Amino acid sequence: MGAIVFNVTTAALMVMMVNCGLGVVGRETLRGRPLPWAAIGLTALAVGGVLLQLAWPGAMDALDADPAESGWWREFTSVFMQNGGLFGGLWNLVTLAAVAALAQWYWGGPLTLGFFLAGILLPGRIDTLLGLGDGPGTDPRNFAGSSGATYFLGATLALAFLARTRVPKELALAAGVPALGLAVWLAQDNGHGLVSVYGFALAAAAWTARRLATRPADRPA
């Protein structure tokens, strides 16, 4: 029962983020949008990782993020490996494609890739800085998978939607992403929730910086 609740809340968090992305981009504009090349590239890497796993039995051992093994590359390559079984792998691929596309259409390709990279590099380091972890995890389920970086990126869409809308229902949806993320982390020790909070916070800083950079200079009286 606990696993079912975990999966349901994790999926609900993603659905909220995708709806925030659709809201900030505009559902009615999707057909006219250009191809999201950054999203296509990230998804292609993830699909390539799955194909490599199928073709090479040793791929996971060589490329996952097992802290007992050495290799600087593991932090990056592990993101494009999947260890959640057939359904979990498909979920990760589909959500990565959707979230990255929506992010590119709002943030642009370079910033989307930057947020995704931040989703790989920052969570573990922030955990250590804040004392939220006891060093490298030992659960093999955490050694691979694109979901952490995807949820981090998805949360940036919630911040963008929160900053853009004034509709109470939409404000509740956007604010609900970090709120649910924090709740599932506290109640279930669900790392997807915590990385969503981190992504939301980083996006708030990026959105503020972009607003300040584009604000017209005050004219002298």
Protein backbone atom coordinates (compact mmCIF):
# COMPACT_ATOMS: atom_id res chain seq x y z
CA MET A 1 0.00 0.00 0.00
CA GLY A 2 2.85 2.37 0.83
CA ALA A 3 4.40 1.85 -2.60
CA ILE A 4 1.06 2.64 -4.28
CA VAL A 5 0.66 5.88 -2.33
CA PHE A 6 4.27 6.79 -3.13
CA ASN A 7 3.72 6.26 -6.86
CA VAL A 8 0.38 8.09 -6.88
CA THR A 9 1.73 11.18 -5.12
CA THR A 10 4.84 11.21 -7.29
CA ALA A 11 2.68 11.02 -10.43
CA ALA A 12 0.32 13.70 -9.12
CA LEU A 13 3.24 16.05 -8.59
CA MET A 14 4.34 15.55 -12.19
CA VAL A 15 0.82 16.09 -13.53
CA MET A 16 0.66 19.39 -11.63
CA MET A 17 3.97 20.54 -13.11
CA VAL A 18 2.97 19.60 -16.66
CA ASN A 19 -0.29 21.51 -16.25
CA CYS A 20 1.68 24.52 -15.01
CA GLY A 21 3.84 24.25 -18.12
CA LEU A 22 0.82 24.08 -20.38
CA GLY A 23 -0.63 27.07 -18.60
CA VAL A 24 2.44 29.26 -18.89
CA VAL A 25 3.16 28.30 -22.52
CA GLY A 26 -0.46 28.32 -23.66
CA ARG A 27 -2.25 25.11 -24.61
CA GLU A 28 -3.66 26.68 -27.74
CA THR A 29 -0.19 27.64 -29.02
CA LEU A 30 1.42 24.19 -29.00
CA ARG A 31 0.76 23.41 -32.66
CA GLY A 32 2.57 26.52 -33.82
CA ARG A 33 5.61 26.12 -31.62
CA PRO A 34 9.04 25.35 -33.15
CA LEU A 35 10.70 22.01 -32.56
CA PRO A 36 12.21 22.00 -29.05
CA TRP A 37 15.73 20.90 -29.97
CA ALA A 38 17.05 20.88 -26.42
CA ALA A 39 14.18 18.63 -25.34
CA ILE A 40 14.71 16.36 -28.34
CA GLY A 41 18.40 16.10 -27.52
CA LEU A 42 17.84 15.23 -23.85
CA THR A 43 15.19 12.67 -24.73
CA ALA A 44 17.43 11.14 -27.41
CA LEU A 45 20.20 10.73 -24.83
CA ALA A 46 17.78 9.02 -22.45
CA VAL A 47 16.47 6.71 -25.19
CA GLY A 48 20.05 5.99 -26.20
CA GLY A 49 20.82 5.06 -22.62
CA VAL A 50 17.98 2.55 -22.56
CA LEU A 51 19.10 1.03 -25.87
CA LEU A 52 22.63 0.77 -24.50
CA GLN A 53 21.32 -1.06 -21.46
CA LEU A 54 19.50 -3.52 -23.70
CA ALA A 55 22.55 -4.10 -25.90
CA TRP A 56 25.23 -4.15 -23.17
CA PRO A 57 24.55 -6.09 -19.95
CA GLY A 58 27.36 -4.23 -18.18
CA ALA A 59 26.05 -0.74 -18.94
CA MET A 60 24.40 -0.17 -15.57
CA ASP A 61 27.44 -1.31 -13.61
CA ALA A 62 29.72 0.94 -15.66
CA LEU A 63 27.51 4.04 -15.81
CA ASP A 64 25.28 4.20 -12.75
CA ALA A 65 25.94 6.42 -9.71
CA ASP A 66 26.87 3.69 -7.24
CA PRO A 67 28.90 5.57 -4.59
CA ALA A 68 30.98 2.44 -3.99
CA GLU A 69 32.40 2.73 -7.51
CA SER A 70 34.81 5.37 -8.84
CA GLY A 71 34.32 7.42 -12.01
CA TRP A 72 33.60 11.14 -12.39
CA TRP A 73 31.29 10.43 -15.33
CA ARG A 74 28.78 8.46 -13.27
CA GLU A 75 27.08 11.57 -11.93
CA PHE A 76 26.10 12.45 -15.51
CA THR A 77 25.71 9.09 -17.26
CA SER A 78 23.53 7.68 -14.50
CA VAL A 79 20.84 10.22 -15.37
CA PHE A 80 20.37 8.58 -18.77
CA MET A 81 20.14 5.04 -17.38
CA GLN A 82 16.78 3.74 -16.17
CA ASN A 83 16.23 1.19 -13.41
CA GLY A 84 12.51 1.44 -12.75
CA GLY A 85 11.41 -1.45 -14.93
CA LEU A 86 9.36 -1.13 -18.10
CA PHE A 87 6.67 1.18 -16.74
CA GLY A 88 9.11 3.31 -14.74
CA GLY A 89 11.42 3.68 -17.73
CA LEU A 90 8.60 4.69 -20.06
CA TRP A 91 7.28 7.16 -17.50
CA ASN A 92 10.71 8.76 -17.18
CA LEU A 93 11.16 9.05 -20.94
CA VAL A 94 7.70 10.50 -21.60
CA THR A 95 7.84 12.98 -18.74
CA LEU A 96 11.35 14.09 -19.69
CA ALA A 97 10.22 14.78 -23.25
CA ALA A 98 7.11 16.69 -22.15
CA VAL A 99 8.71 18.74 -19.38
CA ALA A 100 11.81 19.62 -21.40
CA ALA A 101 9.71 20.74 -24.36
CA LEU A 102 7.50 22.97 -22.22
CA ALA A 103 10.56 24.35 -20.45
CA GLN A 104 12.29 25.18 -23.73
CA TRP A 105 9.24 26.96 -25.08
CA TYR A 106 9.17 29.17 -21.99
CA TRP A 107 12.77 29.47 -20.80
CA GLY A 108 14.57 28.87 -24.10
CA GLY A 109 16.98 26.07 -24.94
CA PRO A 110 20.15 27.22 -23.13
CA LEU A 111 18.40 27.95 -19.84
CA THR A 112 16.45 24.68 -20.05
CA LEU A 113 19.71 22.75 -20.43
CA GLY A 114 21.16 24.80 -17.59
CA PHE A 115 18.25 23.94 -15.30
CA PHE A 116 18.52 20.26 -16.24
CA LEU A 117 22.24 20.27 -15.47
CA ALA A 118 21.50 22.00 -12.18
CA GLY A 119 19.00 19.24 -11.45
CA ILE A 120 21.83 16.75 -11.82
CA LEU A 121 24.47 18.61 -9.84
CA LEU A 122 22.73 20.64 -7.14
CA PRO A 123 20.33 18.44 -5.12
CA GLY A 124 22.94 16.18 -3.56
CA ARG A 125 25.21 19.10 -2.79
CA ILE A 126 22.38 21.13 -1.25
CA ASP A 127 21.38 18.13 0.85
CA THR A 128 24.93 17.91 2.17
CA LEU A 129 25.10 21.66 2.79
CA LEU A 130 21.80 21.66 4.72
CA GLY A 131 22.53 18.42 6.53
CA LEU A 132 19.55 16.66 4.99
CA GLY A 133 21.49 13.55 4.00
CA ASP A 134 23.95 11.18 5.59
CA GLY A 135 26.38 11.06 2.69
CA PRO A 136 25.96 9.09 -0.54
CA GLY A 137 22.81 7.00 -0.66
CA THR A 138 23.03 3.23 -0.58
CA ASP A 139 19.65 2.45 -2.16
CA PRO A 140 20.29 1.03 -5.67
CA ARG A 141 17.04 2.62 -6.86
CA ASN A 142 18.79 5.98 -6.52
CA PHE A 143 21.81 5.01 -8.60
CA ALA A 144 20.17 5.74 -11.97
CA GLY A 145 17.20 7.46 -13.59
CA SER A 146 16.26 10.77 -15.17
CA SER A 147 13.33 11.49 -12.86
CA GLY A 148 15.23 13.64 -10.36
CA ALA A 149 16.50 16.11 -12.95
CA THR A 150 13.11 16.05 -14.69
CA TYR A 151 11.19 16.92 -11.52
CA PHE A 152 13.71 19.67 -10.79
CA LEU A 153 13.14 21.09 -14.27
CA GLY A 154 9.38 20.66 -14.03
CA ALA A 155 9.23 22.72 -10.87
CA THR A 156 10.68 25.69 -12.76
CA LEU A 157 7.49 25.71 -14.83
CA ALA A 158 5.42 25.99 -11.66
CA LEU A 159 7.36 29.07 -10.61
CA ALA A 160 6.93 30.59 -14.07
CA PHE A 161 3.17 29.98 -13.93
CA LEU A 162 2.91 31.38 -10.42
CA ALA A 163 4.66 34.56 -11.54
CA ARG A 164 2.49 34.95 -14.61
CA THR A 165 -1.08 34.20 -13.54
CA ARG A 166 -3.51 36.07 -11.31
CA VAL A 167 -6.30 33.47 -11.41
CA PRO A 168 -6.81 32.00 -7.91
CA LYS A 169 -7.25 28.43 -9.17
CA GLU A 170 -4.06 28.67 -11.22
CA LEU A 171 -2.15 30.30 -8.36
CA ALA A 172 -3.18 27.39 -6.14
CA LEU A 173 -1.98 24.88 -8.74
CA ALA A 174 1.42 26.55 -9.13
CA ALA A 175 1.97 27.10 -5.40
CA GLY A 176 0.81 23.55 -4.80
CA VAL A 177 3.89 22.13 -6.54
CA PRO A 178 6.48 23.10 -3.91
CA ALA A 179 3.89 22.56 -1.16
CA LEU A 180 3.14 19.00 -2.29
CA GLY A 181 6.83 18.42 -2.96
CA LEU A 182 7.72 19.36 0.60
CA ALA A 183 4.82 17.31 1.97
CA VAL A 184 5.74 14.09 0.16
CA TRP A 185 9.36 14.49 1.17
CA LEU A 186 8.44 14.93 4.84
CA ALA A 187 5.77 12.21 4.85
CA GLN A 188 7.35 9.64 2.52
CA ASP A 189 11.03 10.61 2.33
CA ASN A 190 10.24 11.03 -1.38
CA GLY A 191 13.24 12.65 -3.04
CA HIS A 192 11.17 13.74 -6.04
CA GLY A 193 9.43 16.20 -3.76
CA LEU A 194 12.59 17.70 -2.36
CA VAL A 195 14.24 18.22 -5.76
CA SER A 196 11.02 19.91 -6.88
CA VAL A 197 11.38 22.42 -4.05
CA TYR A 198 14.99 23.04 -5.10
CA GLY A 199 13.99 23.53 -8.74
CA PHE A 200 11.24 25.96 -7.75
CA ALA A 201 13.68 27.99 -5.64
CA LEU A 202 16.34 28.15 -8.37
CA ALA A 203 13.72 29.21 -10.93
CA ALA A 204 12.59 31.99 -8.59
CA ALA A 205 16.15 33.32 -8.56
CA ALA A 206 16.46 33.01 -12.35
CA TRP A 207 13.08 34.68 -12.96
CA THR A 208 14.00 37.57 -10.64
CA ALA A 209 17.38 38.02 -12.34
CA ARG A 210 15.75 38.03 -15.77
CA ARG A 211 13.18 40.61 -14.68
CA LEU A 212 15.89 42.87 -13.29
CA ALA A 213 17.97 42.49 -16.46
CA THR A 214 15.08 43.44 -18.74
CA ARG A 215 13.67 46.26 -16.61
CA PRO A 216 14.09 49.64 -18.32
CA ALA A 217 16.54 51.96 -16.60
CA ASP A 218 14.91 54.69 -14.58
CA ARG A 219 14.85 57.94 -16.49
CA PRO A 220 16.01 61.13 -14.74
CA ALA A 221 13.27 63.56 -13.86
